[in-house]
Amino acid sequence: MTPPVILISDDEPLIVSALAREARRSGLTCVSDTTSERVLELARQHHPAVIILDINQHQDGRDLLAQLKQDPLTRDCKVIILSGVEDQFTRHVCFELGADDYEVKPFDPTFITRIARLATSVAHARS
């Protein structure tokens, strides 16, 4: 079985690099975007098990989330929102739009371990 794919979209290259490095160590395949402009294209192309989506990017993460969840090719991808702001209203909106989880930066060191488990379970369910 091929390793599960995750898509990381964050405008901070250091966060993308750190998450991708840890994800690869956990046996995942990573695709990333630091501009938010290719998220939909990459999600359609790679059909990742999990998408880690920063909410504050060039294109608003809430808009991207809504588009991902409305697209027949990407709506079943698990989407984890990553945000630098702990805001209950924004969290609520993201869950209403279909987010599967909401993580606040700086994220817990076990974050990527949880993502790896989720991606693996999604990949197994798809096969």
C-alpha atoms as a PDB file:
ATOM      1  CA  MET A   1       0.000   0.000   0.000  1.00  0.00           C
ATOM      2  CA  THR A   2       1.302   3.455  -0.890  1.00  0.00           C
ATOM      3  CA  PRO A   3       1.823   5.909   1.964  1.00  0.00           C
ATOM      4  CA  PRO A   4      -1.120   8.214   2.727  1.00  0.00           C
ATOM      5  CA  VAL A   5      -0.866  11.701   1.234  1.00  0.00           C
ATOM      6  CA  ILE A   6      -1.326  14.882   3.232  1.00  0.00           C
ATOM      7  CA  LEU A   7      -1.537  18.394   1.832  1.00  0.00           C
ATOM      8  CA  ILE A   8      -0.069  21.198   3.940  1.00  0.00           C
ATOM      9  CA  SER A   9      -1.043  24.779   3.123  1.00  0.00           C
ATOM     10  CA  ASP A  10       0.469  27.502   5.286  1.00  0.00           C
ATOM     11  CA  ASP A  11       2.014  30.839   4.351  1.00  0.00           C
ATOM     12  CA  GLU A  12       4.874  30.270   6.804  1.00  0.00           C
ATOM     13  CA  PRO A  13       7.514  28.152   5.008  1.00  0.00           C
ATOM     14  CA  LEU A  14       9.113  27.103   8.311  1.00  0.00           C
ATOM     15  CA  ILE A  15       5.833  25.600   9.500  1.00  0.00           C
ATOM     16  CA  VAL A  16       5.336  23.797   6.192  1.00  0.00           C
ATOM     17  CA  SER A  17       8.900  22.478   6.318  1.00  0.00           C
ATOM     18  CA  ALA A  18       8.643  21.306   9.932  1.00  0.00           C
ATOM     19  CA  LEU A  19       5.278  19.618   9.414  1.00  0.00           C
ATOM     20  CA  ALA A  20       6.401  17.974   6.173  1.00  0.00           C
ATOM     21  CA  ARG A  21       9.608  16.676   7.766  1.00  0.00           C
ATOM     22  CA  GLU A  22       7.736  15.152  10.697  1.00  0.00           C
ATOM     23  CA  ALA A  23       5.018  13.765   8.438  1.00  0.00           C
ATOM     24  CA  ARG A  24       7.619  12.023   6.257  1.00  0.00           C
ATOM     25  CA  ARG A  25       9.197  10.557   9.395  1.00  0.00           C
ATOM     26  CA  SER A  26       5.738   9.179  10.201  1.00  0.00           C
ATOM     27  CA  GLY A  27       5.540   7.497   6.802  1.00  0.00           C
ATOM     28  CA  LEU A  28       3.318   9.995   5.022  1.00  0.00           C
ATOM     29  CA  THR A  29       3.721  11.518   1.570  1.00  0.00           C
ATOM     30  CA  CYS A  30       3.520  15.329   1.655  1.00  0.00           C
ATOM     31  CA  VAL A  31       2.391  17.881  -0.874  1.00  0.00           C
ATOM     32  CA  SER A  32       2.587  21.533   0.125  1.00  0.00           C
ATOM     33  CA  ASP A  33       1.611  25.043  -0.885  1.00  0.00           C
ATOM     34  CA  THR A  34       2.843  28.230   0.767  1.00  0.00           C
ATOM     35  CA  THR A  35       0.709  30.623  -1.252  1.00  0.00           C
ATOM     36  CA  SER A  36      -2.795  29.109  -0.858  1.00  0.00           C
ATOM     37  CA  GLU A  37      -3.290  29.635  -4.586  1.00  0.00           C
ATOM     38  CA  ARG A  38      -2.823  25.969  -5.538  1.00  0.00           C
ATOM     39  CA  VAL A  39      -4.680  24.249  -2.694  1.00  0.00           C
ATOM     40  CA  LEU A  40      -7.700  23.246  -4.780  1.00  0.00           C
ATOM     41  CA  GLU A  41      -5.570  22.136  -7.723  1.00  0.00           C
ATOM     42  CA  LEU A  42      -3.249  20.071  -5.503  1.00  0.00           C
ATOM     43  CA  ALA A  43      -6.167  18.547  -3.593  1.00  0.00           C
ATOM     44  CA  ARG A  44      -7.876  17.515  -6.831  1.00  0.00           C
ATOM     45  CA  GLN A  45      -4.647  16.117  -8.252  1.00  0.00           C
ATOM     46  CA  HIS A  46      -3.394  14.193  -5.189  1.00  0.00           C
ATOM     47  CA  HIS A  47      -6.662  13.514  -3.325  1.00  0.00           C
ATOM     48  CA  PRO A  48      -4.961  13.685   0.091  1.00  0.00           C
ATOM     49  CA  ALA A  49      -6.310  11.813   3.086  1.00  0.00           C
ATOM     50  CA  VAL A  50      -5.782  14.944   5.208  1.00  0.00           C
ATOM     51  CA  ILE A  51      -5.416  18.621   4.374  1.00  0.00           C
ATOM     52  CA  ILE A  52      -3.784  20.918   6.930  1.00  0.00           C
ATOM     53  CA  LEU A  53      -5.050  24.379   6.068  1.00  0.00           C
ATOM     54  CA  ASP A  54      -3.844  27.628   7.616  1.00  0.00           C
ATOM     55  CA  ILE A  55      -6.802  29.951   7.928  1.00  0.00           C
ATOM     56  CA  ASN A  56      -4.868  33.215   7.505  1.00  0.00           C
ATOM     57  CA  GLN A  57      -3.301  33.078   4.071  1.00  0.00           C
ATOM     58  CA  HIS A  58      -3.430  35.035   0.835  1.00  0.00           C
ATOM     59  CA  GLN A  59      -6.765  33.345   0.128  1.00  0.00           C
ATOM     60  CA  ASP A  60      -8.894  33.073   3.260  1.00  0.00           C
ATOM     61  CA  GLY A  61      -8.805  29.551   4.677  1.00  0.00           C
ATOM     62  CA  ARG A  62     -12.551  29.606   5.338  1.00  0.00           C
ATOM     63  CA  ASP A  63     -13.215  30.232   1.645  1.00  0.00           C
ATOM     64  CA  LEU A  64     -10.831  27.426   0.695  1.00  0.00           C
ATOM     65  CA  LEU A  65     -12.468  25.106   3.209  1.00  0.00           C
ATOM     66  CA  ALA A  66     -15.909  25.820   1.755  1.00  0.00           C
ATOM     67  CA  GLN A  67     -14.633  25.195  -1.769  1.00  0.00           C
ATOM     68  CA  LEU A  68     -12.925  21.939  -0.748  1.00  0.00           C
ATOM     69  CA  LYS A  69     -16.069  20.650   0.939  1.00  0.00           C
ATOM     70  CA  GLN A  70     -18.302  21.601  -2.023  1.00  0.00           C
ATOM     71  CA  ASP A  71     -16.077  19.997  -4.664  1.00  0.00           C
ATOM     72  CA  PRO A  72     -17.050  16.361  -5.417  1.00  0.00           C
ATOM     73  CA  LEU A  73     -13.357  15.471  -5.890  1.00  0.00           C
ATOM     74  CA  THR A  74     -12.228  16.800  -2.503  1.00  0.00           C
ATOM     75  CA  ARG A  75     -15.224  16.846  -0.165  1.00  0.00           C
ATOM     76  CA  ASP A  76     -14.266  13.566   1.519  1.00  0.00           C
ATOM     77  CA  CYS A  77     -10.733  14.771   2.401  1.00  0.00           C
ATOM     78  CA  LYS A  78     -10.321  15.422   6.113  1.00  0.00           C
ATOM     79  CA  VAL A  79      -9.489  19.094   6.689  1.00  0.00           C
ATOM     80  CA  ILE A  80      -7.663  20.284   9.782  1.00  0.00           C
ATOM     81  CA  ILE A  81      -7.668  24.051  10.224  1.00  0.00           C
ATOM     82  CA  LEU A  82      -4.447  25.529  11.574  1.00  0.00           C
ATOM     83  CA  SER A  83      -4.745  28.993  13.080  1.00  0.00           C
ATOM     84  CA  GLY A  84      -2.647  31.411  15.069  1.00  0.00           C
ATOM     85  CA  VAL A  85      -5.786  32.718  16.750  1.00  0.00           C
ATOM     86  CA  GLU A  86      -7.935  31.008  19.367  1.00  0.00           C
ATOM     87  CA  ASP A  87     -11.282  32.496  18.395  1.00  0.00           C
ATOM     88  CA  GLN A  88     -14.480  30.634  19.235  1.00  0.00           C
ATOM     89  CA  PHE A  89     -16.497  32.307  16.474  1.00  0.00           C
ATOM     90  CA  THR A  90     -13.939  31.401  13.790  1.00  0.00           C
ATOM     91  CA  ARG A  91     -13.692  27.870  15.179  1.00  0.00           C
ATOM     92  CA  HIS A  92     -17.494  27.554  15.020  1.00  0.00           C
ATOM     93  CA  VAL A  93     -17.615  28.858  11.435  1.00  0.00           C
ATOM     94  CA  CYS A  94     -14.919  26.398  10.361  1.00  0.00           C
ATOM     95  CA  PHE A  95     -16.792  23.445  11.844  1.00  0.00           C
ATOM     96  CA  GLU A  96     -19.994  24.642  10.178  1.00  0.00           C
ATOM     97  CA  LEU A  97     -18.146  24.727   6.850  1.00  0.00           C
ATOM     98  CA  GLY A  98     -17.002  21.127   7.324  1.00  0.00           C
ATOM     99  CA  ALA A  99     -13.649  21.249   9.132  1.00  0.00           C
ATOM    100  CA  ASP A 100     -12.788  18.001  10.878  1.00  0.00           C
ATOM    101  CA  ASP A 101     -10.597  19.638  13.507  1.00  0.00           C
ATOM    102  CA  TYR A 102      -9.177  23.025  14.499  1.00  0.00           C
ATOM    103  CA  GLU A 103      -5.628  23.322  15.841  1.00  0.00           C
ATOM    104  CA  VAL A 104      -4.120  26.505  17.306  1.00  0.00           C
ATOM    105  CA  LYS A 105      -0.497  27.506  16.697  1.00  0.00           C
ATOM    106  CA  PRO A 106       1.876  26.787  18.213  1.00  0.00           C
ATOM    107  CA  PHE A 107       0.612  23.242  17.844  1.00  0.00           C
ATOM    108  CA  ASP A 108       1.217  20.412  20.264  1.00  0.00           C
ATOM    109  CA  PRO A 109       4.210  18.161  19.468  1.00  0.00           C
ATOM    110  CA  THR A 110       1.811  15.221  19.081  1.00  0.00           C
ATOM    111  CA  PHE A 111      -0.094  17.038  16.309  1.00  0.00           C
ATOM    112  CA  ILE A 112       1.646  15.243  13.442  1.00  0.00           C
ATOM    113  CA  THR A 113       1.232  11.879  15.187  1.00  0.00           C
ATOM    114  CA  ARG A 114      -2.532  12.483  15.300  1.00  0.00           C
ATOM    115  CA  ILE A 115      -2.471  13.516  11.625  1.00  0.00           C
ATOM    116  CA  ALA A 116      -0.543  10.360  10.692  1.00  0.00           C
ATOM    117  CA  ARG A 117      -3.104   8.154  12.455  1.00  0.00           C
ATOM    118  CA  LEU A 118      -5.991   9.974  10.803  1.00  0.00           C
ATOM    119  CA  ALA A 119      -4.387   9.827   7.337  1.00  0.00           C
ATOM    120  CA  THR A 120      -3.655   6.121   7.723  1.00  0.00           C
ATOM    121  CA  SER A 121      -7.222   5.351   8.788  1.00  0.00           C
ATOM    122  CA  VAL A 122      -8.638   7.368   5.876  1.00  0.00           C
ATOM    123  CA  ALA A 123      -6.308   5.625   3.419  1.00  0.00           C
ATOM    124  CA  HIS A 124      -7.361   2.203   4.729  1.00  0.00           C
ATOM    125  CA  ALA A 125     -11.036   3.124   4.493  1.00  0.00           C
ATOM    126  CA  ARG A 126     -10.570   4.238   0.869  1.00  0.00           C
ATOM    127  CA  SER A 127      -8.877   0.997  -0.194  1.00  0.00           C
END
